[in-house]
Every structure is written in structure tokens, then in C-alpha cells.
């Protein structure tokens, strides 16, 4: 019971802090460095998702042209990820409330 309660609190903290951290990082934070795409590393070809992380990072900083230049799918991917992220946060919050109420009942 205690583990599940604190585990849920930890997940809620991660869910909340990650978008804030991405907003605080500069838009060009992921622009440099080596590619980690298996298609790029093994076949030396770009896959449809190549540049998506960089594009989404520029998109959340409102750099529309750079986001489009890296990967135009970011204009679809970022809102979809945002919806899934919000659904995940609401689900975890409901679990937290249920565990909190159960825990409060046990303490009385």
C-alpha cells in the first residue's frame, strides 16, 4: 500500500516536471550530437521520425520554421503526445486520490 502510494506520487512528479523542464531548456538543446536512430546508424537512411525530437522541441518554443525544417510531422505528433500525456496525468491523479482516500481511512 505505501509503495504504491509513493510510486504514484513519484510518477505524478515526473509527469508534471518533464514538460516544465522541456520548456526551460533552450530550443536548440537537442540540435547537436550524434543520431540515435537505428535506421540512420545501421542503414544510413532517414526514417519518417528522424528529427522529430528536435522539431517538437522547436515547436514548443514557437519556432515554427525550424520545427517544419526538422520534421513536418511534429505538427501532428506534439498535440497527440500532449493529449496522451494529459490522459496519463489524469489517470495517475485518480489513482492517487483513491489511494489517498484509502490511506486516510486507514489512519482513522
PDB file of N, CA and C in Angstrom:
ATOM      1  N   UNK A   1       0.827  -1.199   0.000  1.00  0.00           N
ATOM      2  CA  UNK A   1       0.000   0.000   0.000  1.00  0.00           C
ATOM      3  C   UNK A   1       0.870   1.261   0.000  1.00  0.00           C
ATOM      4  N   UNK A   2       1.830   1.344   0.906  1.00  0.00           N
ATOM      5  CA  UNK A   2       2.698   2.525   0.970  1.00  0.00           C
ATOM      6  C   UNK A   2       3.534   2.668  -0.294  1.00  0.00           C
ATOM      7  N   UNK A   3       4.045   1.532  -0.809  1.00  0.00           N
ATOM      8  CA  UNK A   3       4.865   1.590  -2.016  1.00  0.00           C
ATOM      9  C   UNK A   3       4.062   2.147  -3.183  1.00  0.00           C
ATOM     10  N   UNK A   4       2.862   1.640  -3.380  1.00  0.00           N
ATOM     11  CA  UNK A   4       2.013   2.081  -4.485  1.00  0.00           C
ATOM     12  C   UNK A   4       1.679   3.575  -4.348  1.00  0.00           C
ATOM     13  N   UNK A   5       1.443   4.026  -3.142  1.00  0.00           N
ATOM     14  CA  UNK A   5       1.118   5.435  -2.882  1.00  0.00           C
ATOM     15  C   UNK A   5       2.294   6.334  -3.265  1.00  0.00           C
ATOM     16  N   UNK A   6       3.472   6.013  -2.794  1.00  0.00           N
ATOM     17  CA  UNK A   6       4.645   6.833  -3.087  1.00  0.00           C
ATOM     18  C   UNK A   6       5.090   6.699  -4.540  1.00  0.00           C
ATOM     19  N   UNK A   7       4.884   5.527  -5.116  1.00  0.00           N
ATOM     20  CA  UNK A   7       5.193   5.308  -6.527  1.00  0.00           C
ATOM     21  C   UNK A   7       4.310   6.208  -7.400  1.00  0.00           C
ATOM     22  N   UNK A   8       3.038   6.304  -7.058  1.00  0.00           N
ATOM     23  CA  UNK A   8       2.112   7.162  -7.790  1.00  0.00           C
ATOM     24  C   UNK A   8       2.493   8.626  -7.630  1.00  0.00           C
ATOM     25  N   UNK A   9       2.899   9.024  -6.436  1.00  0.00           N
ATOM     26  CA  UNK A   9       3.361  10.403  -6.225  1.00  0.00           C
ATOM     27  C   UNK A   9       4.590  10.679  -7.089  1.00  0.00           C
ATOM     28  N   UNK A  10       5.509   9.735  -7.154  1.00  0.00           N
ATOM     29  CA  UNK A  10       6.708   9.879  -7.983  1.00  0.00           C
ATOM     30  C   UNK A  10       6.360  10.038  -9.455  1.00  0.00           C
ATOM     31  N   UNK A  11       5.421   9.227  -9.941  1.00  0.00           N
ATOM     32  CA  UNK A  11       5.005   9.340 -11.340  1.00  0.00           C
ATOM     33  C   UNK A  11       4.346  10.680 -11.607  1.00  0.00           C
ATOM     34  N   UNK A  12       3.520  11.162 -10.682  1.00  0.00           N
ATOM     35  CA  UNK A  12       2.885  12.468 -10.865  1.00  0.00           C
ATOM     36  C   UNK A  12       3.917  13.590 -10.911  1.00  0.00           C
ATOM     37  N   UNK A  13       4.955  13.475 -10.104  1.00  0.00           N
ATOM     38  CA  UNK A  13       6.023  14.488 -10.126  1.00  0.00           C
ATOM     39  C   UNK A  13       6.732  14.469 -11.475  1.00  0.00           C
ATOM     40  N   UNK A  14       7.040  13.286 -11.984  1.00  0.00           N
ATOM     41  CA  UNK A  14       7.707  13.173 -13.287  1.00  0.00           C
ATOM     42  C   UNK A  14       6.817  13.716 -14.397  1.00  0.00           C
ATOM     43  N   UNK A  15       5.535  13.372 -14.345  1.00  0.00           N
ATOM     44  CA  UNK A  15       4.592  13.848 -15.360  1.00  0.00           C
ATOM     45  C   UNK A  15       4.507  15.372 -15.349  1.00  0.00           C
ATOM     46  N   UNK A  16       4.591  15.973 -14.193  1.00  0.00           N
ATOM     47  CA  UNK A  16       4.462  17.420 -14.079  1.00  0.00           C
ATOM     48  C   UNK A  16       5.764  18.150 -14.407  1.00  0.00           C
ATOM     49  N   UNK A  17       6.884  17.595 -13.983  1.00  0.00           N
ATOM     50  CA  UNK A  17       8.165  18.286 -14.125  1.00  0.00           C
ATOM     51  C   UNK A  17       8.714  18.204 -15.557  1.00  0.00           C
ATOM     52  N   UNK A  18       8.481  17.108 -16.254  1.00  0.00           N
ATOM     53  CA  UNK A  18       9.066  16.926 -17.582  1.00  0.00           C
ATOM     54  C   UNK A  18       8.662  18.022 -18.568  1.00  0.00           C
ATOM     55  N   UNK A  19       7.374  18.346 -18.733  1.00  0.00           N
ATOM     56  CA  UNK A  19       7.053  19.438 -19.669  1.00  0.00           C
ATOM     57  C   UNK A  19       7.647  20.787 -19.251  1.00  0.00           C
ATOM     58  N   UNK A  20       7.681  21.048 -17.965  1.00  0.00           N
ATOM     59  CA  UNK A  20       8.265  22.304 -17.479  1.00  0.00           C
ATOM     60  C   UNK A  20       9.758  22.336 -17.795  1.00  0.00           C
ATOM     61  N   UNK A  21      10.440  21.224 -17.592  1.00  0.00           N
ATOM     62  CA  UNK A  21      11.867  21.144 -17.896  1.00  0.00           C
ATOM     63  C   UNK A  21      12.124  21.357 -19.384  1.00  0.00           C
ATOM     64  N   UNK A  22      11.287  20.762 -20.240  1.00  0.00           N
ATOM     65  CA  UNK A  22      11.456  20.952 -21.682  1.00  0.00           C
ATOM     66  C   UNK A  22      11.224  22.397 -22.092  1.00  0.00           C
ATOM     67  N   UNK A  23      10.330  23.078 -21.408  1.00  0.00           N
ATOM     68  CA  UNK A  23      10.110  24.496 -21.705  1.00  0.00           C
ATOM     69  C   UNK A  23      11.270  25.363 -21.231  1.00  0.00           C
ATOM     70  N   UNK A  24      11.910  24.964 -20.143  1.00  0.00           N
ATOM     71  CA  UNK A  24      13.028  25.749 -19.610  1.00  0.00           C
ATOM     72  C   UNK A  24      14.313  25.553 -20.408  1.00  0.00           C
ATOM     73  N   UNK A  25      14.470  24.376 -21.034  1.00  0.00           N
ATOM     74  CA  UNK A  25      15.663  24.143 -21.850  1.00  0.00           C
ATOM     75  C   UNK A  25      15.597  25.002 -23.106  1.00  0.00           C
ATOM     76  N   UNK A  26      16.754  25.417 -23.640  1.00  0.00           N
ATOM     77  CA  UNK A  26      16.719  26.206 -24.875  1.00  0.00           C
ATOM     78  C   UNK A  26      16.213  25.365 -26.046  1.00  0.00           C
ATOM     79  N   UNK A  27      15.664  26.018 -27.046  1.00  0.00           N
ATOM     80  CA  UNK A  27      15.070  25.315 -28.189  1.00  0.00           C
ATOM     81  C   UNK A  27      16.095  24.481 -28.950  1.00  0.00           C
ATOM     82  N   UNK A  28      17.331  24.891 -28.968  1.00  0.00           N
ATOM     83  CA  UNK A  28      18.376  24.186 -29.724  1.00  0.00           C
ATOM     84  C   UNK A  28      19.107  23.131 -28.890  1.00  0.00           C
ATOM     85  N   UNK A  29      18.576  22.769 -27.744  1.00  0.00           N
ATOM     86  CA  UNK A  29      19.253  21.853 -26.824  1.00  0.00           C
ATOM     87  C   UNK A  29      19.554  20.502 -27.475  1.00  0.00           C
ATOM     88  N   UNK A  30      18.634  19.959 -28.262  1.00  0.00           N
ATOM     89  CA  UNK A  30      18.822  18.642 -28.864  1.00  0.00           C
ATOM     90  C   UNK A  30      19.360  18.706 -30.289  1.00  0.00           C
ATOM     91  N   UNK A  31      19.702  19.889 -30.778  1.00  0.00           N
ATOM     92  CA  UNK A  31      20.112  20.032 -32.179  1.00  0.00           C
ATOM     93  C   UNK A  31      21.454  19.376 -32.491  1.00  0.00           C
ATOM     94  N   UNK A  32      22.392  19.393 -31.569  1.00  0.00           N
ATOM     95  CA  UNK A  32      23.710  18.822 -31.831  1.00  0.00           C
ATOM     96  C   UNK A  32      23.798  17.373 -31.399  1.00  0.00           C
ATOM     97  N   UNK A  33      24.942  16.786 -31.621  1.00  0.00           N
ATOM     98  CA  UNK A  33      25.176  15.428 -31.164  1.00  0.00           C
ATOM     99  C   UNK A  33      24.913  14.384 -32.237  1.00  0.00           C
ATOM    100  N   UNK A  34      25.264  13.170 -31.910  1.00  0.00           N
ATOM    101  CA  UNK A  34      25.090  12.053 -32.840  1.00  0.00           C
ATOM    102  C   UNK A  34      23.651  11.567 -32.836  1.00  0.00           C
ATOM    103  N   UNK A  35      23.258  10.998 -33.938  1.00  0.00           N
ATOM    104  CA  UNK A  35      21.915  10.449 -34.060  1.00  0.00           C
ATOM    105  C   UNK A  35      21.831   9.118 -33.320  1.00  0.00           C
ATOM    106  N   UNK A  36      20.681   8.848 -32.714  1.00  0.00           N
ATOM    107  CA  UNK A  36      20.449   7.568 -32.045  1.00  0.00           C
ATOM    108  C   UNK A  36      19.430   6.726 -32.811  1.00  0.00           C
ATOM    109  N   UNK A  37      19.051   7.162 -33.991  1.00  0.00           N
ATOM    110  CA  UNK A  37      18.090   6.449 -34.823  1.00  0.00           C
ATOM    111  C   UNK A  37      18.761   5.200 -35.413  1.00  0.00           C
ATOM    112  N   UNK A  38      18.141   4.046 -35.218  1.00  0.00           N
ATOM    113  CA  UNK A  38      18.700   2.795 -35.741  1.00  0.00           C
ATOM    114  C   UNK A  38      18.740   2.797 -37.261  1.00  0.00           C
ATOM    115  N   UNK A  39      17.751   3.371 -37.900  1.00  0.00           N
ATOM    116  CA  UNK A  39      17.738   3.445 -39.358  1.00  0.00           C
ATOM    117  C   UNK A  39      18.915   4.258 -39.870  1.00  0.00           C
ATOM    118  N   UNK A  40      19.191   5.334 -39.174  1.00  0.00           N
ATOM    119  CA  UNK A  40      20.308   6.204 -39.570  1.00  0.00           C
ATOM    120  C   UNK A  40      21.659   5.514 -39.300  1.00  0.00           C
ATOM    121  N   UNK A  41      21.761   4.834 -38.161  1.00  0.00           N
ATOM    122  CA  UNK A  41      23.022   4.201 -37.784  1.00  0.00           C
ATOM    123  C   UNK A  41      23.316   2.944 -38.597  1.00  0.00           C
ATOM    124  N   UNK A  42      22.310   2.106 -38.799  1.00  0.00           N
ATOM    125  CA  UNK A  42      22.535   0.823 -39.478  1.00  0.00           C
ATOM    126  C   UNK A  42      22.425   0.918 -40.994  1.00  0.00           C
ATOM    127  N   UNK A  43      21.462   1.670 -41.501  1.00  0.00           N
ATOM    128  CA  UNK A  43      21.204   1.717 -42.939  1.00  0.00           C
ATOM    129  C   UNK A  43      21.630   3.021 -43.592  1.00  0.00           C
ATOM    130  N   UNK A  44      22.032   3.991 -42.784  1.00  0.00           N
ATOM    131  CA  UNK A  44      22.434   5.311 -43.265  1.00  0.00           C
ATOM    132  C   UNK A  44      21.309   5.982 -44.064  1.00  0.00           C
ATOM    133  N   UNK A  45      20.071   5.777 -43.599  1.00  0.00           N
ATOM    134  CA  UNK A  45      18.900   6.385 -44.230  1.00  0.00           C
ATOM    135  C   UNK A  45      18.038   7.038 -43.159  1.00  0.00           C
ATOM    136  N   UNK A  46      17.410   8.139 -43.518  1.00  0.00           N
ATOM    137  CA  UNK A  46      16.488   8.800 -42.592  1.00  0.00           C
ATOM    138  C   UNK A  46      15.168   8.033 -42.541  1.00  0.00           C
ATOM    139  N   UNK A  47      14.640   7.877 -41.344  1.00  0.00           N
ATOM    140  CA  UNK A  47      13.315   7.273 -41.180  1.00  0.00           C
ATOM    141  C   UNK A  47      12.292   8.412 -41.095  1.00  0.00           C
ATOM    142  N   UNK A  48      10.988   8.111 -41.152  1.00  0.00           N
ATOM    143  CA  UNK A  48       9.988   9.181 -41.080  1.00  0.00           C
ATOM    144  C   UNK A  48      10.027   9.975 -39.772  1.00  0.00           C
ATOM    145  N   UNK A  49      10.583   9.408 -38.717  1.00  0.00           N
ATOM    146  CA  UNK A  49      10.612  10.101 -37.432  1.00  0.00           C
ATOM    147  C   UNK A  49      11.939  10.805 -37.159  1.00  0.00           C
ATOM    148  N   UNK A  50      12.879  10.745 -38.076  1.00  0.00           N
ATOM    149  CA  UNK A  50      14.156  11.428 -37.868  1.00  0.00           C
ATOM    150  C   UNK A  50      13.932  12.931 -37.722  1.00  0.00           C
ATOM    151  N   UNK A  51      14.479  13.494 -36.679  1.00  0.00           N
ATOM    152  CA  UNK A  51      14.343  14.925 -36.416  1.00  0.00           C
ATOM    153  C   UNK A  51      13.099  15.291 -35.637  1.00  0.00           C
ATOM    154  N   UNK A  52      12.295  14.303 -35.258  1.00  0.00           N
ATOM    155  CA  UNK A  52      11.032  14.601 -34.585  1.00  0.00           C
ATOM    156  C   UNK A  52      11.246  15.207 -33.200  1.00  0.00           C
ATOM    157  N   UNK A  53      12.222  14.724 -32.450  1.00  0.00           N
ATOM    158  CA  UNK A  53      12.503  15.286 -31.130  1.00  0.00           C
ATOM    159  C   UNK A  53      12.938  16.739 -31.252  1.00  0.00           C
ATOM    160  N   UNK A  54      13.850  17.000 -32.181  1.00  0.00           N
ATOM    161  CA  UNK A  54      14.315  18.372 -32.380  1.00  0.00           C
ATOM    162  C   UNK A  54      13.188  19.273 -32.860  1.00  0.00           C
ATOM    163  N   UNK A  55      12.352  18.755 -33.752  1.00  0.00           N
ATOM    164  CA  UNK A  55      11.233  19.538 -34.276  1.00  0.00           C
ATOM    165  C   UNK A  55      10.236  19.868 -33.167  1.00  0.00           C
ATOM    166  N   UNK A  56       9.920  18.887 -32.336  1.00  0.00           N
ATOM    167  CA  UNK A  56       8.979  19.131 -31.233  1.00  0.00           C
ATOM    168  C   UNK A  56       9.550  20.131 -30.234  1.00  0.00           C
ATOM    169  N   UNK A  57      10.840  20.055 -30.009  1.00  0.00           N
ATOM    170  CA  UNK A  57      11.473  20.999 -29.092  1.00  0.00           C
ATOM    171  C   UNK A  57      11.375  22.424 -29.637  1.00  0.00           C
ATOM    172  N   UNK A  58      11.583  22.584 -30.935  1.00  0.00           N
ATOM    173  CA  UNK A  58      11.441  23.916 -31.535  1.00  0.00           C
ATOM    174  C   UNK A  58       9.973  24.337 -31.566  1.00  0.00           C
ATOM    175  N   UNK A  59       9.092  23.379 -31.735  1.00  0.00           N
ATOM    176  CA  UNK A  59       7.666  23.702 -31.794  1.00  0.00           C
ATOM    177  C   UNK A  59       7.146  24.214 -30.458  1.00  0.00           C
ATOM    178  N   UNK A  60       7.584  23.620 -29.342  1.00  0.00           N
ATOM    179  CA  UNK A  60       7.108  24.105 -28.042  1.00  0.00           C
ATOM    180  C   UNK A  60       7.714  25.454 -27.683  1.00  0.00           C
ATOM    181  N   UNK A  61       8.757  25.847 -28.405  1.00  0.00           N
ATOM    182  CA  UNK A  61       9.334  27.184 -28.218  1.00  0.00           C
ATOM    183  C   UNK A  61       8.867  28.146 -29.313  1.00  0.00           C
ATOM    184  N   UNK A  62       7.859  27.738 -30.083  1.00  0.00           N
ATOM    185  CA  UNK A  62       7.224  28.557 -31.114  1.00  0.00           C
ATOM    186  C   UNK A  62       8.156  28.954 -32.255  1.00  0.00           C
ATOM    187  N   UNK A  63       9.128  28.102 -32.556  1.00  0.00           N
ATOM    188  CA  UNK A  63       9.992  28.298 -33.734  1.00  0.00           C
ATOM    189  C   UNK A  63       9.404  27.457 -34.868  1.00  0.00           C
ATOM    190  N   UNK A  64       8.363  27.978 -35.512  1.00  0.00           N
ATOM    191  CA  UNK A  64       7.591  27.201 -36.487  1.00  0.00           C
ATOM    192  C   UNK A  64       8.440  26.757 -37.674  1.00  0.00           C
ATOM    193  N   UNK A  65       9.246  27.667 -38.229  1.00  0.00           N
ATOM    194  CA  UNK A  65      10.018  27.338 -39.426  1.00  0.00           C
ATOM    195  C   UNK A  65      11.051  26.251 -39.147  1.00  0.00           C
ATOM    196  N   UNK A  66      11.746  26.368 -38.021  1.00  0.00           N
ATOM    197  CA  UNK A  66      12.754  25.358 -37.688  1.00  0.00           C
ATOM    198  C   UNK A  66      12.107  24.017 -37.395  1.00  0.00           C
ATOM    199  N   UNK A  67      10.964  24.033 -36.737  1.00  0.00           N
ATOM    200  CA  UNK A  67      10.250  22.784 -36.466  1.00  0.00           C
ATOM    201  C   UNK A  67       9.850  22.121 -37.773  1.00  0.00           C
ATOM    202  N   UNK A  68       9.352  22.900 -38.712  1.00  0.00           N
ATOM    203  CA  UNK A  68       8.961  22.356 -40.012  1.00  0.00           C
ATOM    204  C   UNK A  68      10.174  21.828 -40.770  1.00  0.00           C
ATOM    205  N   UNK A  69      11.301  22.520 -40.657  1.00  0.00           N
ATOM    206  CA  UNK A  69      12.511  22.093 -41.353  1.00  0.00           C
ATOM    207  C   UNK A  69      13.038  20.764 -40.806  1.00  0.00           C
ATOM    208  N   UNK A  70      12.950  20.551 -39.510  1.00  0.00           N
ATOM    209  CA  UNK A  70      13.429  19.292 -38.934  1.00  0.00           C
ATOM    210  C   UNK A  70      12.500  18.124 -39.260  1.00  0.00           C
ATOM    211  N   UNK A  71      11.201  18.302 -39.058  1.00  0.00           N
ATOM    212  CA  UNK A  71      10.246  17.244 -39.369  1.00  0.00           C
ATOM    213  C   UNK A  71       8.838  17.836 -39.320  1.00  0.00           C
ATOM    214  N   UNK A  72       8.155  17.818 -40.458  1.00  0.00           N
ATOM    215  CA  UNK A  72       6.816  18.421 -40.504  1.00  0.00           C
ATOM    216  C   UNK A  72       5.777  17.602 -39.744  1.00  0.00           C
ATOM    217  N   UNK A  73       6.080  16.348 -39.411  1.00  0.00           N
ATOM    218  CA  UNK A  73       5.146  15.535 -38.625  1.00  0.00           C
ATOM    219  C   UNK A  73       5.014  16.027 -37.191  1.00  0.00           C
ATOM    220  N   UNK A  74       5.915  16.876 -36.762  1.00  0.00           N
ATOM    221  CA  UNK A  74       5.852  17.387 -35.389  1.00  0.00           C
ATOM    222  C   UNK A  74       4.559  18.151 -35.125  1.00  0.00           C
ATOM    223  N   UNK A  75       3.985  18.744 -36.161  1.00  0.00           N
ATOM    224  CA  UNK A  75       2.738  19.492 -36.000  1.00  0.00           C
ATOM    225  C   UNK A  75       1.563  18.560 -35.703  1.00  0.00           C
ATOM    226  N   UNK A  76       1.700  17.283 -36.009  1.00  0.00           N
ATOM    227  CA  UNK A  76       0.703  16.276 -35.642  1.00  0.00           C
ATOM    228  C   UNK A  76       1.110  15.523 -34.385  1.00  0.00           C
ATOM    229  N   UNK A  77       2.399  15.214 -34.292  1.00  0.00           N
ATOM    230  CA  UNK A  77       2.884  14.366 -33.200  1.00  0.00           C
ATOM    231  C   UNK A  77       2.802  15.066 -31.841  1.00  0.00           C
ATOM    232  N   UNK A  78       3.191  16.318 -31.780  1.00  0.00           N
ATOM    233  CA  UNK A  78       3.212  17.015 -30.489  1.00  0.00           C
ATOM    234  C   UNK A  78       1.824  17.145 -29.861  1.00  0.00           C
ATOM    235  N   UNK A  79       0.792  17.551 -30.606  1.00  0.00           N
ATOM    236  CA  UNK A  79      -0.540  17.585 -29.980  1.00  0.00           C
ATOM    237  C   UNK A  79      -1.021  16.200 -29.542  1.00  0.00           C
ATOM    238  N   UNK A  80      -0.706  15.168 -30.321  1.00  0.00           N
ATOM    239  CA  UNK A  80      -1.134  13.819 -29.930  1.00  0.00           C
ATOM    240  C   UNK A  80      -0.417  13.360 -28.669  1.00  0.00           C
ATOM    241  N   UNK A  81       0.871  13.641 -28.582  1.00  0.00           N
ATOM    242  CA  UNK A  81       1.616  13.292 -27.373  1.00  0.00           C
ATOM    243  C   UNK A  81       1.079  14.080 -26.181  1.00  0.00           C
ATOM    244  N   UNK A  82       0.740  15.337 -26.405  1.00  0.00           N
ATOM    245  CA  UNK A  82       0.172  16.155 -25.337  1.00  0.00           C
ATOM    246  C   UNK A  82      -1.140  15.597 -24.813  1.00  0.00           C
ATOM    247  N   UNK A  83      -1.994  15.110 -25.705  1.00  0.00           N
ATOM    248  CA  UNK A  83      -3.269  14.519 -25.295  1.00  0.00           C
ATOM    249  C   UNK A  83      -3.043  13.253 -24.491  1.00  0.00           C
ATOM    250  N   UNK A  84      -2.143  12.393 -24.975  1.00  0.00           N
ATOM    251  CA  UNK A  84      -1.838  11.152 -24.253  1.00  0.00           C
ATOM    252  C   UNK A  84      -1.220  11.473 -22.895  1.00  0.00           C
ATOM    253  N   UNK A  85      -0.334  12.469 -22.854  1.00  0.00           N
ATOM    254  CA  UNK A  85       0.319  12.881 -21.609  1.00  0.00           C
ATOM    255  C   UNK A  85      -0.719  13.365 -20.593  1.00  0.00           C
ATOM    256  N   UNK A  86      -1.676  14.154 -21.068  1.00  0.00           N
ATOM    257  CA  UNK A  86      -2.728  14.661 -20.188  1.00  0.00           C
ATOM    258  C   UNK A  86      -3.622  13.525 -19.680  1.00  0.00           C
ATOM    259  N   UNK A  87      -3.962  12.584 -20.547  1.00  0.00           N
ATOM    260  CA  UNK A  87      -4.756  11.423 -20.124  1.00  0.00           C
ATOM    261  C   UNK A  87      -4.010  10.611 -19.065  1.00  0.00           C
ATOM    262  N   UNK A  88      -2.713  10.438 -19.265  1.00  0.00           N
ATOM    263  CA  UNK A  88      -1.889   9.699 -18.305  1.00  0.00           C
ATOM    264  C   UNK A  88      -1.877  10.429 -16.962  1.00  0.00           C
ATOM    265  N   UNK A  89      -1.727  11.742 -16.999  1.00  0.00           N
ATOM    266  CA  UNK A  89      -1.710  12.530 -15.759  1.00  0.00           C
ATOM    267  C   UNK A  89      -3.047  12.411 -15.018  1.00  0.00           C
ATOM    268  N   UNK A  90      -4.152  12.491 -15.745  1.00  0.00           N
ATOM    269  CA  UNK A  90      -5.461  12.373 -15.101  1.00  0.00           C
ATOM    270  C   UNK A  90      -5.670  10.985 -14.499  1.00  0.00           C
ATOM    271  N   UNK A  91      -5.223   9.955 -15.200  1.00  0.00           N
ATOM    272  CA  UNK A  91      -5.347   8.586 -14.687  1.00  0.00           C
ATOM    273  C   UNK A  91      -4.541   8.413 -13.398  1.00  0.00           C
ATOM    274  N   UNK A  92      -3.316   8.908 -13.412  1.00  0.00           N
ATOM    275  CA  UNK A  92      -2.470   8.792 -12.219  1.00  0.00           C
ATOM    276  C   UNK A  92      -3.028   9.621 -11.062  1.00  0.00           C
ATOM    277  N   UNK A  93      -3.619  10.770 -11.374  1.00  0.00           N
ATOM    278  CA  UNK A  93      -4.207  11.598 -10.327  1.00  0.00           C
ATOM    279  C   UNK A  93      -5.402  10.889  -9.690  1.00  0.00           C
ATOM    280  N   UNK A  94      -6.216  10.222 -10.504  1.00  0.00           N
ATOM    281  CA  UNK A  94      -7.349   9.460  -9.963  1.00  0.00           C
ATOM    282  C   UNK A  94      -6.862   8.320  -9.067  1.00  0.00           C
ATOM    283  N   UNK A  95      -5.810   7.643  -9.487  1.00  0.00           N
ATOM    284  CA  UNK A  95      -5.228   6.578  -8.658  1.00  0.00           C
ATOM    285  C   UNK A  95      -4.710   7.164  -7.353  1.00  0.00           C
ATOM    286  N   UNK A  96      -4.032   8.311  -7.439  1.00  0.00           N
ATOM    287  CA  UNK A  96      -3.517   8.965  -6.244  1.00  0.00           C
ATOM    288  C   UNK A  96      -4.647   9.325  -5.283  1.00  0.00           C
ATOM    289  N   UNK A  97      -5.729   9.900  -5.802  1.00  0.00           N
ATOM    290  CA  UNK A  97      -6.861  10.284  -4.942  1.00  0.00           C
ATOM    291  C   UNK A  97      -7.465   9.057  -4.270  1.00  0.00           C
ATOM    292  N   UNK A  98      -7.617   7.960  -5.009  1.00  0.00           N
ATOM    293  CA  UNK A  98      -8.184   6.731  -4.431  1.00  0.00           C
ATOM    294  C   UNK A  98      -7.272   6.181  -3.347  1.00  0.00           C
ATOM    295  N   UNK A  99      -5.964   6.162  -3.609  1.00  0.00           N
ATOM    296  CA  UNK A  99      -5.015   5.666  -2.606  1.00  0.00           C
ATOM    297  C   UNK A  99      -4.962   6.591  -1.403  1.00  0.00           C
ATOM    298  N   UNK A 100      -5.051   7.885  -1.656  1.00  0.00           N
ATOM    299  CA  UNK A 100      -5.023   8.856  -0.555  1.00  0.00           C
ATOM    300  C   UNK A 100      -6.252   8.691   0.339  1.00  0.00           C
ATOM    301  N   UNK A 101      -7.426   8.521  -0.287  1.00  0.00           N
ATOM    302  CA  UNK A 101      -8.650   8.322   0.491  1.00  0.00           C
ATOM    303  C   UNK A 101      -8.601   7.010   1.267  1.00  0.00           C
ATOM    304  N   UNK A 102      -8.074   5.974   0.657  1.00  0.00           N
ATOM    305  CA  UNK A 102      -7.945   4.685   1.315  1.00  0.00           C
ATOM    306  C   UNK A 102      -6.972   4.784   2.498  1.00  0.00           C
ATOM    307  N   UNK A 103      -5.886   5.508   2.272  1.00  0.00           N
ATOM    308  CA  UNK A 103      -4.887   5.688   3.323  1.00  0.00           C
ATOM    309  C   UNK A 103      -5.444   6.515   4.474  1.00  0.00           C
ATOM    310  N   UNK A 104      -6.209   7.561   4.142  1.00  0.00           N
ATOM    311  CA  UNK A 104      -6.808   8.412   5.171  1.00  0.00           C
ATOM    312  C   UNK A 104      -7.812   7.606   6.007  1.00  0.00           C
ATOM    313  N   UNK A 105      -8.523   6.686   5.344  1.00  0.00           N
ATOM    314  CA  UNK A 105      -9.473   5.838   6.071  1.00  0.00           C
ATOM    315  C   UNK A 105      -8.786   4.868   7.011  1.00  0.00           C
ATOM    316  N   UNK A 106      -7.582   4.440   6.642  1.00  0.00           N
ATOM    317  CA  UNK A 106      -6.834   3.501   7.476  1.00  0.00           C
ATOM    318  C   UNK A 106      -6.250   4.189   8.706  1.00  0.00           C
ATOM    319  N   UNK A 107      -5.968   5.488   8.572  1.00  0.00           N
ATOM    320  CA  UNK A 107      -5.358   6.219   9.682  1.00  0.00           C
ATOM    321  C   UNK A 107      -6.378   6.565  10.770  1.00  0.00           C
ATOM    322  N   UNK A 108      -7.651   6.598  10.427  1.00  0.00           N
ATOM    323  CA  UNK A 108      -8.682   6.980  11.400  1.00  0.00           C
ATOM    324  C   UNK A 108      -9.016   5.855  12.315  1.00  0.00           C
TER     325      UNK A 108
END
